[in-house]
Amino acid sequence: MKRRVQTEAEIAAEAQADLTQADYVMGLVSVVTGVPLSDIRAMDRKDARTSRARQLCMYLISVAWQWPLYRIGAAFGRDRTTVGHACRRIEDLRDNRLWDEQIERLEACLLDMPSGLALPRRRAA
């Protein structure tokens, strides 16, 4: 069976859709945490609060949407190992009941996201 090769336009469209969806999560986390969206999007580390908010975004995408780490990393301009670290850090915070409840509410928001931002169906390789 021949494997279908994606065109550059298809790859670019998927990357743009990923950025749009990641922006949705960043906006949601920004509202909940009070960390400015521009800080979450920034490429530098900023402060611990900002890093935690960014890590939370990565974790939520991983858990709620089941994106692979490399795809999340691409959407955030980070390496997959950074995303793995972020997910482990947030998972450790879930031992705290208050953090766990907040994360559960955020996950529910992502699972009930508006249909206009519905995740595109990826073609099987």
PDB file of N, CA and C in Angstrom:
ATOM      1  N   MET A   1       0.835  -1.174   0.000  1.00  0.00           N
ATOM      2  CA  MET A   1       0.000   0.000   0.000  1.00  0.00           C
ATOM      3  C   MET A   1       0.885   1.245   0.000  1.00  0.00           C
ATOM      4  N   LYS A   2       0.587   2.164  -0.900  1.00  0.00           N
ATOM      5  CA  LYS A   2       1.374   3.392  -1.000  1.00  0.00           C
ATOM      6  C   LYS A   2       0.991   4.381   0.088  1.00  0.00           C
ATOM      7  N   ARG A   3       1.989   5.041   0.610  1.00  0.00           N
ATOM      8  CA  ARG A   3       1.760   6.074   1.619  1.00  0.00           C
ATOM      9  C   ARG A   3       1.563   7.410   0.925  1.00  0.00           C
ATOM     10  N   ARG A   4       0.515   8.126   1.315  1.00  0.00           N
ATOM     11  CA  ARG A   4       0.216   9.427   0.730  1.00  0.00           C
ATOM     12  C   ARG A   4       1.144  10.484   1.314  1.00  0.00           C
ATOM     13  N   VAL A   5       1.744  11.289   0.452  1.00  0.00           N
ATOM     14  CA  VAL A   5       2.636  12.355   0.873  1.00  0.00           C
ATOM     15  C   VAL A   5       1.841  13.658   0.919  1.00  0.00           C
ATOM     16  N   GLN A   6       1.952  14.353   2.037  1.00  0.00           N
ATOM     17  CA  GLN A   6       1.243  15.619   2.177  1.00  0.00           C
ATOM     18  C   GLN A   6       1.937  16.709   1.375  1.00  0.00           C
ATOM     19  N   THR A   7       1.129  17.618   0.853  1.00  0.00           N
ATOM     20  CA  THR A   7       1.685  18.772   0.157  1.00  0.00           C
ATOM     21  C   THR A   7       2.130  19.801   1.192  1.00  0.00           C
ATOM     22  N   GLU A   8       2.939  20.746   0.762  1.00  0.00           N
ATOM     23  CA  GLU A   8       3.383  21.814   1.664  1.00  0.00           C
ATOM     24  C   GLU A   8       2.195  22.623   2.166  1.00  0.00           C
ATOM     25  N   ALA A   9       1.214  22.828   1.309  1.00  0.00           N
ATOM     26  CA  ALA A   9       0.026  23.588   1.700  1.00  0.00           C
ATOM     27  C   ALA A   9      -0.750  22.862   2.800  1.00  0.00           C
ATOM     28  N   GLU A  10      -0.850  21.538   2.701  1.00  0.00           N
ATOM     29  CA  GLU A  10      -1.553  20.765   3.728  1.00  0.00           C
ATOM     30  C   GLU A  10      -0.808  20.814   5.055  1.00  0.00           C
ATOM     31  N   ILE A  11       0.497  20.707   4.983  1.00  0.00           N
ATOM     32  CA  ILE A  11       1.311  20.766   6.199  1.00  0.00           C
ATOM     33  C   ILE A  11       1.171  22.142   6.850  1.00  0.00           C
ATOM     34  N   ALA A  12       1.229  23.195   6.044  1.00  0.00           N
ATOM     35  CA  ALA A  12       1.090  24.560   6.565  1.00  0.00           C
ATOM     36  C   ALA A  12      -0.295  24.778   7.179  1.00  0.00           C
ATOM     37  N   ALA A  13      -1.332  24.243   6.551  1.00  0.00           N
ATOM     38  CA  ALA A  13      -2.690  24.394   7.070  1.00  0.00           C
ATOM     39  C   ALA A  13      -2.838  23.687   8.417  1.00  0.00           C
ATOM     40  N   GLU A  14      -2.262  22.500   8.534  1.00  0.00           N
ATOM     41  CA  GLU A  14      -2.322  21.773   9.804  1.00  0.00           C
ATOM     42  C   GLU A  14      -1.546  22.509  10.891  1.00  0.00           C
ATOM     43  N   ALA A  15      -0.389  23.047  10.544  1.00  0.00           N
ATOM     44  CA  ALA A  15       0.405  23.796  11.520  1.00  0.00           C
ATOM     45  C   ALA A  15      -0.351  25.034  11.986  1.00  0.00           C
ATOM     46  N   GLN A  16      -1.019  25.724  11.069  1.00  0.00           N
ATOM     47  CA  GLN A  16      -1.799  26.908  11.435  1.00  0.00           C
ATOM     48  C   GLN A  16      -2.970  26.526  12.333  1.00  0.00           C
ATOM     49  N   ALA A  17      -3.624  25.414  12.037  1.00  0.00           N
ATOM     50  CA  ALA A  17      -4.731  24.943  12.881  1.00  0.00           C
ATOM     51  C   ALA A  17      -4.221  24.615  14.285  1.00  0.00           C
ATOM     52  N   ASP A  18      -3.044  23.995  14.371  1.00  0.00           N
ATOM     53  CA  ASP A  18      -2.456  23.694  15.677  1.00  0.00           C
ATOM     54  C   ASP A  18      -2.172  24.966  16.458  1.00  0.00           C
ATOM     55  N   LEU A  19      -1.653  25.987  15.793  1.00  0.00           N
ATOM     56  CA  LEU A  19      -1.362  27.261  16.471  1.00  0.00           C
ATOM     57  C   LEU A  19      -2.643  27.904  16.980  1.00  0.00           C
ATOM     58  N   THR A  20      -3.696  27.847  16.184  1.00  0.00           N
ATOM     59  CA  THR A  20      -4.986  28.421  16.581  1.00  0.00           C
ATOM     60  C   THR A  20      -5.522  27.704  17.817  1.00  0.00           C
ATOM     61  N   GLN A  21      -5.438  26.395  17.808  1.00  0.00           N
ATOM     62  CA  GLN A  21      -5.937  25.616  18.940  1.00  0.00           C
ATOM     63  C   GLN A  21      -5.078  25.828  20.184  1.00  0.00           C
ATOM     64  N   ALA A  22      -3.770  25.912  20.013  1.00  0.00           N
ATOM     65  CA  ALA A  22      -2.892  26.183  21.150  1.00  0.00           C
ATOM     66  C   ALA A  22      -3.173  27.572  21.716  1.00  0.00           C
ATOM     67  N   ASP A  23      -3.453  28.536  20.842  1.00  0.00           N
ATOM     68  CA  ASP A  23      -3.815  29.890  21.299  1.00  0.00           C
ATOM     69  C   ASP A  23      -5.087  29.865  22.139  1.00  0.00           C
ATOM     70  N   TYR A  24      -6.032  29.021  21.755  1.00  0.00           N
ATOM     71  CA  TYR A  24      -7.272  28.879  22.519  1.00  0.00           C
ATOM     72  C   TYR A  24      -6.954  28.432  23.946  1.00  0.00           C
ATOM     73  N   VAL A  25      -6.091  27.436  24.072  1.00  0.00           N
ATOM     74  CA  VAL A  25      -5.712  26.922  25.387  1.00  0.00           C
ATOM     75  C   VAL A  25      -4.949  27.986  26.166  1.00  0.00           C
ATOM     76  N   MET A  26      -4.024  28.668  25.500  1.00  0.00           N
ATOM     77  CA  MET A  26      -3.257  29.715  26.178  1.00  0.00           C
ATOM     78  C   MET A  26      -4.177  30.820  26.690  1.00  0.00           C
ATOM     79  N   GLY A  27      -5.177  31.180  25.905  1.00  0.00           N
ATOM     80  CA  GLY A  27      -6.136  32.202  26.334  1.00  0.00           C
ATOM     81  C   GLY A  27      -6.930  31.750  27.545  1.00  0.00           C
ATOM     82  N   LEU A  28      -7.362  30.517  27.523  1.00  0.00           N
ATOM     83  CA  LEU A  28      -8.109  29.964  28.646  1.00  0.00           C
ATOM     84  C   LEU A  28      -7.260  29.967  29.915  1.00  0.00           C
ATOM     85  N   VAL A  29      -6.029  29.493  29.805  1.00  0.00           N
ATOM     86  CA  VAL A  29      -5.132  29.445  30.962  1.00  0.00           C
ATOM     87  C   VAL A  29      -4.786  30.857  31.430  1.00  0.00           C
ATOM     88  N   SER A  30      -4.636  31.776  30.503  1.00  0.00           N
ATOM     89  CA  SER A  30      -4.345  33.163  30.860  1.00  0.00           C
ATOM     90  C   SER A  30      -5.466  33.757  31.719  1.00  0.00           C
ATOM     91  N   VAL A  31      -6.697  33.509  31.328  1.00  0.00           N
ATOM     92  CA  VAL A  31      -7.839  34.028  32.086  1.00  0.00           C
ATOM     93  C   VAL A  31      -7.887  33.409  33.483  1.00  0.00           C
ATOM     94  N   VAL A  32      -7.660  32.125  33.567  1.00  0.00           N
ATOM     95  CA  VAL A  32      -7.763  31.417  34.844  1.00  0.00           C
ATOM     96  C   VAL A  32      -6.617  31.771  35.789  1.00  0.00           C
ATOM     97  N   THR A  33      -5.411  31.900  35.253  1.00  0.00           N
ATOM     98  CA  THR A  33      -4.236  32.131  36.104  1.00  0.00           C
ATOM     99  C   THR A  33      -3.903  33.609  36.298  1.00  0.00           C
ATOM    100  N   GLY A  34      -4.397  34.451  35.413  1.00  0.00           N
ATOM    101  CA  GLY A  34      -4.054  35.868  35.487  1.00  0.00           C
ATOM    102  C   GLY A  34      -2.705  36.199  34.869  1.00  0.00           C
ATOM    103  N   VAL A  35      -2.075  35.235  34.232  1.00  0.00           N
ATOM    104  CA  VAL A  35      -0.796  35.461  33.551  1.00  0.00           C
ATOM    105  C   VAL A  35      -1.114  36.015  32.161  1.00  0.00           C
ATOM    106  N   PRO A  36      -0.533  37.152  31.786  1.00  0.00           N
ATOM    107  CA  PRO A  36      -0.836  37.728  30.469  1.00  0.00           C
ATOM    108  C   PRO A  36      -0.541  36.759  29.330  1.00  0.00           C
ATOM    109  N   LEU A  37      -1.430  36.757  28.354  1.00  0.00           N
ATOM    110  CA  LEU A  37      -1.279  35.875  27.202  1.00  0.00           C
ATOM    111  C   LEU A  37       0.055  36.111  26.498  1.00  0.00           C
ATOM    112  N   SER A  38       0.474  37.355  26.418  1.00  0.00           N
ATOM    113  CA  SER A  38       1.749  37.659  25.759  1.00  0.00           C
ATOM    114  C   SER A  38       2.921  37.003  26.488  1.00  0.00           C
ATOM    115  N   ASP A  39       2.826  36.893  27.816  1.00  0.00           N
ATOM    116  CA  ASP A  39       3.888  36.230  28.581  1.00  0.00           C
ATOM    117  C   ASP A  39       3.886  34.720  28.331  1.00  0.00           C
ATOM    118  N   ILE A  40       2.700  34.122  28.256  1.00  0.00           N
ATOM    119  CA  ILE A  40       2.615  32.680  27.998  1.00  0.00           C
ATOM    120  C   ILE A  40       3.175  32.363  26.617  1.00  0.00           C
ATOM    121  N   ARG A  41       2.909  33.225  25.640  1.00  0.00           N
ATOM    122  CA  ARG A  41       3.390  33.012  24.269  1.00  0.00           C
ATOM    123  C   ARG A  41       4.886  33.274  24.111  1.00  0.00           C
ATOM    124  N   ALA A  42       5.463  34.051  25.016  1.00  0.00           N
ATOM    125  CA  ALA A  42       6.862  34.481  24.882  1.00  0.00           C
ATOM    126  C   ALA A  42       7.811  33.287  24.821  1.00  0.00           C
ATOM    127  N   MET A  43       8.886  33.462  24.092  1.00  0.00           N
ATOM    128  CA  MET A  43       9.867  32.392  23.956  1.00  0.00           C
ATOM    129  C   MET A  43      10.815  32.305  25.151  1.00  0.00           C
ATOM    130  N   ASP A  44      10.959  33.393  25.920  1.00  0.00           N
ATOM    131  CA  ASP A  44      11.842  33.329  27.080  1.00  0.00           C
ATOM    132  C   ASP A  44      11.080  32.778  28.280  1.00  0.00           C
ATOM    133  N   ARG A  45      11.801  32.414  29.312  1.00  0.00           N
ATOM    134  CA  ARG A  45      11.200  31.734  30.455  1.00  0.00           C
ATOM    135  C   ARG A  45      10.333  32.637  31.318  1.00  0.00           C
ATOM    136  N   LYS A  46      10.608  33.915  31.307  1.00  0.00           N
ATOM    137  CA  LYS A  46       9.922  34.869  32.190  1.00  0.00           C
ATOM    138  C   LYS A  46      10.127  34.456  33.648  1.00  0.00           C
ATOM    139  N   ASP A  47       9.040  34.399  34.431  1.00  0.00           N
ATOM    140  CA  ASP A  47       9.147  34.019  35.838  1.00  0.00           C
ATOM    141  C   ASP A  47       8.498  32.656  36.064  1.00  0.00           C
ATOM    142  N   ALA A  48       8.561  32.177  37.299  1.00  0.00           N
ATOM    143  CA  ALA A  48       8.043  30.843  37.613  1.00  0.00           C
ATOM    144  C   ALA A  48       6.537  30.742  37.350  1.00  0.00           C
ATOM    145  N   ARG A  49       5.804  31.792  37.651  1.00  0.00           N
ATOM    146  CA  ARG A  49       4.347  31.795  37.446  1.00  0.00           C
ATOM    147  C   ARG A  49       4.009  31.642  35.966  1.00  0.00           C
ATOM    148  N   THR A  50       4.745  32.345  35.126  1.00  0.00           N
ATOM    149  CA  THR A  50       4.526  32.261  33.683  1.00  0.00           C
ATOM    150  C   THR A  50       4.910  30.883  33.155  1.00  0.00           C
ATOM    151  N   SER A  51       6.033  30.379  33.615  1.00  0.00           N
ATOM    152  CA  SER A  51       6.458  29.040  33.187  1.00  0.00           C
ATOM    153  C   SER A  51       5.432  27.992  33.582  1.00  0.00           C
ATOM    154  N   ARG A  52       4.885  28.108  34.771  1.00  0.00           N
ATOM    155  CA  ARG A  52       3.874  27.161  35.231  1.00  0.00           C
ATOM    156  C   ARG A  52       2.617  27.249  34.368  1.00  0.00           C
ATOM    157  N   ALA A  53       2.214  28.457  34.001  1.00  0.00           N
ATOM    158  CA  ALA A  53       1.038  28.623  33.139  1.00  0.00           C
ATOM    159  C   ALA A  53       1.280  27.987  31.772  1.00  0.00           C
ATOM    160  N   ARG A  54       2.472  28.184  31.220  1.00  0.00           N
ATOM    161  CA  ARG A  54       2.816  27.584  29.922  1.00  0.00           C
ATOM    162  C   ARG A  54       2.847  26.059  30.031  1.00  0.00           C
ATOM    163  N   GLN A  55       3.418  25.554  31.123  1.00  0.00           N
ATOM    164  CA  GLN A  55       3.445  24.114  31.346  1.00  0.00           C
ATOM    165  C   GLN A  55       2.028  23.553  31.446  1.00  0.00           C
ATOM    166  N   LEU A  56       1.152  24.295  32.086  1.00  0.00           N
ATOM    167  CA  LEU A  56      -0.235  23.872  32.210  1.00  0.00           C
ATOM    168  C   LEU A  56      -0.903  23.782  30.838  1.00  0.00           C
ATOM    169  N   CYS A  57      -0.619  24.741  29.984  1.00  0.00           N
ATOM    170  CA  CYS A  57      -1.156  24.708  28.613  1.00  0.00           C
ATOM    171  C   CYS A  57      -0.713  23.435  27.899  1.00  0.00           C
ATOM    172  N   MET A  58       0.556  23.145  27.970  1.00  0.00           N
ATOM    173  CA  MET A  58       1.094  21.960  27.301  1.00  0.00           C
ATOM    174  C   MET A  58       0.467  20.687  27.855  1.00  0.00           C
ATOM    175  N   TYR A  59       0.344  20.626  29.165  1.00  0.00           N
ATOM    176  CA  TYR A  59      -0.251  19.452  29.809  1.00  0.00           C
ATOM    177  C   TYR A  59      -1.701  19.269  29.363  1.00  0.00           C
ATOM    178  N   LEU A  60      -2.464  20.350  29.369  1.00  0.00           N
ATOM    179  CA  LEU A  60      -3.876  20.258  28.996  1.00  0.00           C
ATOM    180  C   LEU A  60      -4.054  19.748  27.565  1.00  0.00           C
ATOM    181  N   ILE A  61      -3.223  20.238  26.665  1.00  0.00           N
ATOM    182  CA  ILE A  61      -3.310  19.779  25.277  1.00  0.00           C
ATOM    183  C   ILE A  61      -2.970  18.292  25.198  1.00  0.00           C
ATOM    184  N   SER A  62      -1.971  17.882  25.938  1.00  0.00           N
ATOM    185  CA  SER A  62      -1.564  16.482  25.929  1.00  0.00           C
ATOM    186  C   SER A  62      -2.676  15.573  26.457  1.00  0.00           C
ATOM    187  N   VAL A  63      -3.268  15.962  27.560  1.00  0.00           N
ATOM    188  CA  VAL A  63      -4.262  15.112  28.216  1.00  0.00           C
ATOM    189  C   VAL A  63      -5.630  15.202  27.524  1.00  0.00           C
ATOM    190  N   ALA A  64      -6.086  16.409  27.252  1.00  0.00           N
ATOM    191  CA  ALA A  64      -7.433  16.571  26.703  1.00  0.00           C
ATOM    192  C   ALA A  64      -7.521  16.176  25.230  1.00  0.00           C
ATOM    193  N   TRP A  65      -6.499  16.500  24.458  1.00  0.00           N
ATOM    194  CA  TRP A  65      -6.566  16.276  23.017  1.00  0.00           C
ATOM    195  C   TRP A  65      -5.655  15.154  22.532  1.00  0.00           C
ATOM    196  N   GLN A  66      -4.850  14.610  23.426  1.00  0.00           N
ATOM    197  CA  GLN A  66      -3.993  13.478  23.089  1.00  0.00           C
ATOM    198  C   GLN A  66      -2.993  13.768  21.959  1.00  0.00           C
ATOM    199  N   TRP A  67      -2.515  15.010  21.889  1.00  0.00           N
ATOM    200  CA  TRP A  67      -1.505  15.335  20.883  1.00  0.00           C
ATOM    201  C   TRP A  67      -0.181  14.698  21.300  1.00  0.00           C
ATOM    202  N   PRO A  68       0.612  14.234  20.333  1.00  0.00           N
ATOM    203  CA  PRO A  68       1.956  13.749  20.682  1.00  0.00           C
ATOM    204  C   PRO A  68       2.843  14.925  21.111  1.00  0.00           C
ATOM    205  N   LEU A  69       3.859  14.623  21.888  1.00  0.00           N
ATOM    206  CA  LEU A  69       4.715  15.670  22.448  1.00  0.00           C
ATOM    207  C   LEU A  69       5.365  16.532  21.375  1.00  0.00           C
ATOM    208  N   TYR A  70       5.799  15.936  20.264  1.00  0.00           N
ATOM    209  CA  TYR A  70       6.454  16.731  19.219  1.00  0.00           C
ATOM    210  C   TYR A  70       5.485  17.757  18.626  1.00  0.00           C
ATOM    211  N   ARG A  71       4.213  17.396  18.511  1.00  0.00           N
ATOM    212  CA  ARG A  71       3.210  18.316  17.944  1.00  0.00           C
ATOM    213  C   ARG A  71       2.948  19.489  18.895  1.00  0.00           C
ATOM    214  N   ILE A  72       2.868  19.199  20.187  1.00  0.00           N
ATOM    215  CA  ILE A  72       2.697  20.271  21.178  1.00  0.00           C
ATOM    216  C   ILE A  72       3.925  21.172  21.158  1.00  0.00           C
ATOM    217  N   GLY A  73       5.090  20.565  21.115  1.00  0.00           N
ATOM    218  CA  GLY A  73       6.328  21.345  21.066  1.00  0.00           C
ATOM    219  C   GLY A  73       6.367  22.276  19.873  1.00  0.00           C
ATOM    220  N   ALA A  74       5.947  21.783  18.720  1.00  0.00           N
ATOM    221  CA  ALA A  74       5.926  22.622  17.518  1.00  0.00           C
ATOM    222  C   ALA A  74       4.988  23.804  17.687  1.00  0.00           C
ATOM    223  N   ALA A  75       3.847  23.583  18.313  1.00  0.00           N
ATOM    224  CA  ALA A  75       2.876  24.667  18.513  1.00  0.00           C
ATOM    225  C   ALA A  75       3.389  25.730  19.481  1.00  0.00           C
ATOM    226  N   PHE A  76       4.280  25.336  20.396  1.00  0.00           N
ATOM    227  CA  PHE A  76       4.814  26.266  21.383  1.00  0.00           C
ATOM    228  C   PHE A  76       6.236  26.720  21.075  1.00  0.00           C
ATOM    229  N   GLY A  77       6.814  26.234  19.978  1.00  0.00           N
ATOM    230  CA  GLY A  77       8.187  26.586  19.654  1.00  0.00           C
ATOM    231  C   GLY A  77       9.177  25.974  20.622  1.00  0.00           C
ATOM    232  N   ARG A  78       8.843  24.776  21.122  1.00  0.00           N
ATOM    233  CA  ARG A  78       9.686  24.098  22.102  1.00  0.00           C
ATOM    234  C   ARG A  78      10.001  22.689  21.615  1.00  0.00           C
ATOM    235  N   ASP A  79      10.952  22.062  22.248  1.00  0.00           N
ATOM    236  CA  ASP A  79      11.334  20.687  21.955  1.00  0.00           C
ATOM    237  C   ASP A  79      10.372  19.728  22.669  1.00  0.00           C
ATOM    238  N   ARG A  80      10.238  18.516  22.150  1.00  0.00           N
ATOM    239  CA  ARG A  80       9.339  17.530  22.754  1.00  0.00           C
ATOM    240  C   ARG A  80       9.767  17.172  24.177  1.00  0.00           C
ATOM    241  N   THR A  81      11.068  17.229  24.463  1.00  0.00           N
ATOM    242  CA  THR A  81      11.525  16.906  25.815  1.00  0.00           C
ATOM    243  C   THR A  81      11.074  17.980  26.811  1.00  0.00           C
ATOM    244  N   THR A  82      10.997  19.215  26.360  1.00  0.00           N
ATOM    245  CA  THR A  82      10.488  20.304  27.207  1.00  0.00           C
ATOM    246  C   THR A  82       9.017  20.060  27.526  1.00  0.00           C
ATOM    247  N   VAL A  83       8.275  19.613  26.534  1.00  0.00           N
ATOM    248  CA  VAL A  83       6.854  19.319  26.742  1.00  0.00           C
ATOM    249  C   VAL A  83       6.701  18.160  27.725  1.00  0.00           C
ATOM    250  N   GLY A  84       7.529  17.134  27.578  1.00  0.00           N
ATOM    251  CA  GLY A  84       7.485  16.011  28.515  1.00  0.00           C
ATOM    252  C   GLY A  84       7.756  16.454  29.942  1.00  0.00           C
ATOM    253  N   HIS A  85       8.733  17.331  30.098  1.00  0.00           N
ATOM    254  CA  HIS A  85       9.051  17.878  31.420  1.00  0.00           C
ATOM    255  C   HIS A  85       7.858  18.652  31.974  1.00  0.00           C
ATOM    256  N   ALA A  86       7.243  19.461  31.136  1.00  0.00           N
ATOM    257  CA  ALA A  86       6.080  20.253  31.558  1.00  0.00           C
ATOM    258  C   ALA A  86       4.947  19.341  32.029  1.00  0.00           C
ATOM    259  N   CYS A  87       4.695  18.300  31.285  1.00  0.00           N
ATOM    260  CA  CYS A  87       3.614  17.370  31.647  1.00  0.00           C
ATOM    261  C   CYS A  87       3.899  16.675  32.978  1.00  0.00           C
ATOM    262  N   ARG A  88       5.137  16.296  33.194  1.00  0.00           N
ATOM    263  CA  ARG A  88       5.497  15.656  34.467  1.00  0.00           C
ATOM    264  C   ARG A  88       5.336  16.627  35.636  1.00  0.00           C
ATOM    265  N   ARG A  89       5.741  17.873  35.429  1.00  0.00           N
ATOM    266  CA  ARG A  89       5.617  18.878  36.501  1.00  0.00           C
ATOM    267  C   ARG A  89       4.157  19.105  36.891  1.00  0.00           C
ATOM    268  N   ILE A  90       3.298  19.227  35.902  1.00  0.00           N
ATOM    269  CA  ILE A  90       1.882  19.464  36.192  1.00  0.00           C
ATOM    270  C   ILE A  90       1.247  18.209  36.796  1.00  0.00           C
ATOM    271  N   GLU A  91       1.608  17.050  36.301  1.00  0.00           N
ATOM    272  CA  GLU A  91       1.076  15.800  36.869  1.00  0.00           C
ATOM    273  C   GLU A  91       1.432  15.700  38.348  1.00  0.00           C
ATOM    274  N   ASP A  92       2.635  16.126  38.717  1.00  0.00           N
ATOM    275  CA  ASP A  92       3.035  16.123  40.126  1.00  0.00           C
ATOM    276  C   ASP A  92       2.160  17.062  40.953  1.00  0.00           C
ATOM    277  N   LEU A  93       1.730  18.171  40.376  1.00  0.00           N
ATOM    278  CA  LEU A  93       0.882  19.125  41.093  1.00  0.00           C
ATOM    279  C   LEU A  93      -0.511  18.565  41.360  1.00  0.00           C
ATOM    280  N   ARG A  94      -0.900  17.572  40.609  1.00  0.00           N
ATOM    281  CA  ARG A  94      -2.247  17.017  40.769  1.00  0.00           C
ATOM    282  C   ARG A  94      -2.413  16.270  42.097  1.00  0.00           C
ATOM    283  N   ASP A  95      -1.328  16.068  42.806  1.00  0.00           N
ATOM    284  CA  ASP A  95      -1.439  15.484  44.152  1.00  0.00           C
ATOM    285  C   ASP A  95      -2.141  16.447  45.101  1.00  0.00           C
ATOM    286  N   ASN A  96      -2.085  17.728  44.781  1.00  0.00           N
ATOM    287  CA  ASN A  96      -2.770  18.756  45.562  1.00  0.00           C
ATOM    288  C   ASN A  96      -4.227  18.820  45.091  1.00  0.00           C
ATOM    289  N   ARG A  97      -5.165  18.630  46.013  1.00  0.00           N
ATOM    290  CA  ARG A  97      -6.582  18.563  45.666  1.00  0.00           C
ATOM    291  C   ARG A  97      -7.073  19.810  44.937  1.00  0.00           C
ATOM    292  N   LEU A  98      -6.652  20.985  45.371  1.00  0.00           N
ATOM    293  CA  LEU A  98      -7.114  22.231  44.737  1.00  0.00           C
ATOM    294  C   LEU A  98      -6.611  22.343  43.300  1.00  0.00           C
ATOM    295  N   TRP A  99      -5.334  22.013  43.088  1.00  0.00           N
ATOM    296  CA  TRP A  99      -4.782  22.031  41.729  1.00  0.00           C
ATOM    297  C   TRP A  99      -5.514  21.021  40.856  1.00  0.00           C
ATOM    298  N   ASP A 100      -5.745  19.829  41.418  1.00  0.00           N
ATOM    299  CA  ASP A 100      -6.400  18.777  40.657  1.00  0.00           C
ATOM    300  C   ASP A 100      -7.800  19.216  40.221  1.00  0.00           C
ATOM    301  N   GLU A 101      -8.537  19.846  41.107  1.00  0.00           N
ATOM    302  CA  GLU A 101      -9.884  20.316  40.764  1.00  0.00           C
ATOM    303  C   GLU A 101      -9.841  21.377  39.671  1.00  0.00           C
ATOM    304  N   GLN A 102      -8.887  22.305  39.777  1.00  0.00           N
ATOM    305  CA  GLN A 102      -8.776  23.343  38.750  1.00  0.00           C
ATOM    306  C   GLN A 102      -8.418  22.733  37.391  1.00  0.00           C
ATOM    307  N   ILE A 103      -7.505  21.788  37.395  1.00  0.00           N
ATOM    308  CA  ILE A 103      -7.101  21.153  36.141  1.00  0.00           C
ATOM    309  C   ILE A 103      -8.263  20.360  35.544  1.00  0.00           C
ATOM    310  N   GLU A 104      -9.037  19.685  36.377  1.00  0.00           N
ATOM    311  CA  GLU A 104     -10.205  18.958  35.883  1.00  0.00           C
ATOM    312  C   GLU A 104     -11.202  19.900  35.204  1.00  0.00           C
ATOM    313  N   ARG A 105     -11.418  21.061  35.792  1.00  0.00           N
ATOM    314  CA  ARG A 105     -12.342  22.047  35.192  1.00  0.00           C
ATOM    315  C   ARG A 105     -11.802  22.539  33.847  1.00  0.00           C
ATOM    316  N   LEU A 106     -10.499  22.778  33.775  1.00  0.00           N
ATOM    317  CA  LEU A 106      -9.905  23.228  32.522  1.00  0.00           C
ATOM    318  C   LEU A 106      -9.993  22.142  31.447  1.00  0.00           C
ATOM    319  N   GLU A 107      -9.748  20.903  31.838  1.00  0.00           N
ATOM    320  CA  GLU A 107      -9.886  19.793  30.886  1.00  0.00           C
ATOM    321  C   GLU A 107     -11.311  19.726  30.345  1.00  0.00           C
ATOM    322  N   ALA A 108     -12.293  19.898  31.226  1.00  0.00           N
ATOM    323  CA  ALA A 108     -13.694  19.870  30.797  1.00  0.00           C
ATOM    324  C   ALA A 108     -13.980  20.986  29.799  1.00  0.00           C
ATOM    325  N   CYS A 109     -13.403  22.159  30.019  1.00  0.00           N
ATOM    326  CA  CYS A 109     -13.574  23.273  29.068  1.00  0.00           C
ATOM    327  C   CYS A 109     -13.045  22.900  27.694  1.00  0.00           C
ATOM    328  N   LEU A 110     -11.910  22.236  27.661  1.00  0.00           N
ATOM    329  CA  LEU A 110     -11.313  21.869  26.375  1.00  0.00           C
ATOM    330  C   LEU A 110     -12.101  20.774  25.680  1.00  0.00           C
ATOM    331  N   LEU A 111     -12.660  19.874  26.448  1.00  0.00           N
ATOM    332  CA  LEU A 111     -13.446  18.801  25.841  1.00  0.00           C
ATOM    333  C   LEU A 111     -14.778  19.318  25.298  1.00  0.00           C
ATOM    334  N   ASP A 112     -15.236  20.458  25.828  1.00  0.00           N
ATOM    335  CA  ASP A 112     -16.488  21.080  25.367  1.00  0.00           C
ATOM    336  C   ASP A 112     -16.230  22.342  24.558  1.00  0.00           C
ATOM    337  N   MET A 113     -15.091  22.413  23.866  1.00  0.00           N
ATOM    338  CA  MET A 113     -14.713  23.618  23.141  1.00  0.00           C
ATOM    339  C   MET A 113     -15.692  23.912  22.008  1.00  0.00           C
ATOM    340  N   PRO A 114     -15.790  25.181  21.607  1.00  0.00           N
ATOM    341  CA  PRO A 114     -16.699  25.560  20.527  1.00  0.00           C
ATOM    342  C   PRO A 114     -16.414  24.791  19.241  1.00  0.00           C
ATOM    343  N   SER A 115     -17.456  24.495  18.515  1.00  0.00           N
ATOM    344  CA  SER A 115     -17.301  23.694  17.298  1.00  0.00           C
ATOM    345  C   SER A 115     -16.442  24.388  16.244  1.00  0.00           C
ATOM    346  N   GLY A 116     -16.371  25.701  16.268  1.00  0.00           N
ATOM    347  CA  GLY A 116     -15.548  26.429  15.307  1.00  0.00           C
ATOM    348  C   GLY A 116     -14.070  26.130  15.460  1.00  0.00           C
ATOM    349  N   LEU A 117     -13.697  25.657  16.629  1.00  0.00           N
ATOM    350  CA  LEU A 117     -12.300  25.308  16.871  1.00  0.00           C
ATOM    351  C   LEU A 117     -12.104  23.800  16.938  1.00  0.00           C
ATOM    352  N   ALA A 118     -13.103  23.061  16.495  1.00  0.00           N
ATOM    353  CA  ALA A 118     -13.018  21.600  16.577  1.00  0.00           C
ATOM    354  C   ALA A 118     -11.738  21.102  15.932  1.00  0.00           C
ATOM    355  N   LEU A 119     -11.183  20.087  16.524  1.00  0.00           N
ATOM    356  CA  LEU A 119      -9.920  19.541  16.039  1.00  0.00           C
ATOM    357  C   LEU A 119     -10.101  18.932  14.668  1.00  0.00           C
ATOM    358  N   PRO A 120      -9.221  19.289  13.739  1.00  0.00           N
ATOM    359  CA  PRO A 120      -9.337  18.708  12.401  1.00  0.00           C
ATOM    360  C   PRO A 120      -8.975  17.231  12.427  1.00  0.00           C
ATOM    361  N   ARG A 121      -9.593  16.481  11.587  1.00  0.00           N
ATOM    362  CA  ARG A 121      -9.286  15.063  11.471  1.00  0.00           C
ATOM    363  C   ARG A 121      -7.996  14.906  10.697  1.00  0.00           C
ATOM    364  N   ARG A 122      -7.035  14.264  11.289  1.00  0.00           N
ATOM    365  CA  ARG A 122      -5.761  14.017  10.587  1.00  0.00           C
ATOM    366  C   ARG A 122      -5.906  12.746   9.792  1.00  0.00           C
ATOM    367  N   ARG A 123      -5.368  12.773   8.597  1.00  0.00           N
ATOM    368  CA  ARG A 123      -5.394  11.579   7.763  1.00  0.00           C
ATOM    369  C   ARG A 123      -4.397  10.561   8.301  1.00  0.00           C
ATOM    370  N   ALA A 124      -4.768   9.324   8.182  1.00  0.00           N
ATOM    371  CA  ALA A 124      -3.849   8.263   8.597  1.00  0.00           C
ATOM    372  C   ALA A 124      -2.658   8.245   7.651  1.00  0.00           C
ATOM    373  N   ALA A 125      -1.490   7.987   8.205  1.00  0.00           N
ATOM    374  CA  ALA A 125      -0.267   7.982   7.383  1.00  0.00           C
ATOM    375  C   ALA A 125      -0.207   6.795   6.468  1.00  0.00           C
TER     376      ALA A 125
END
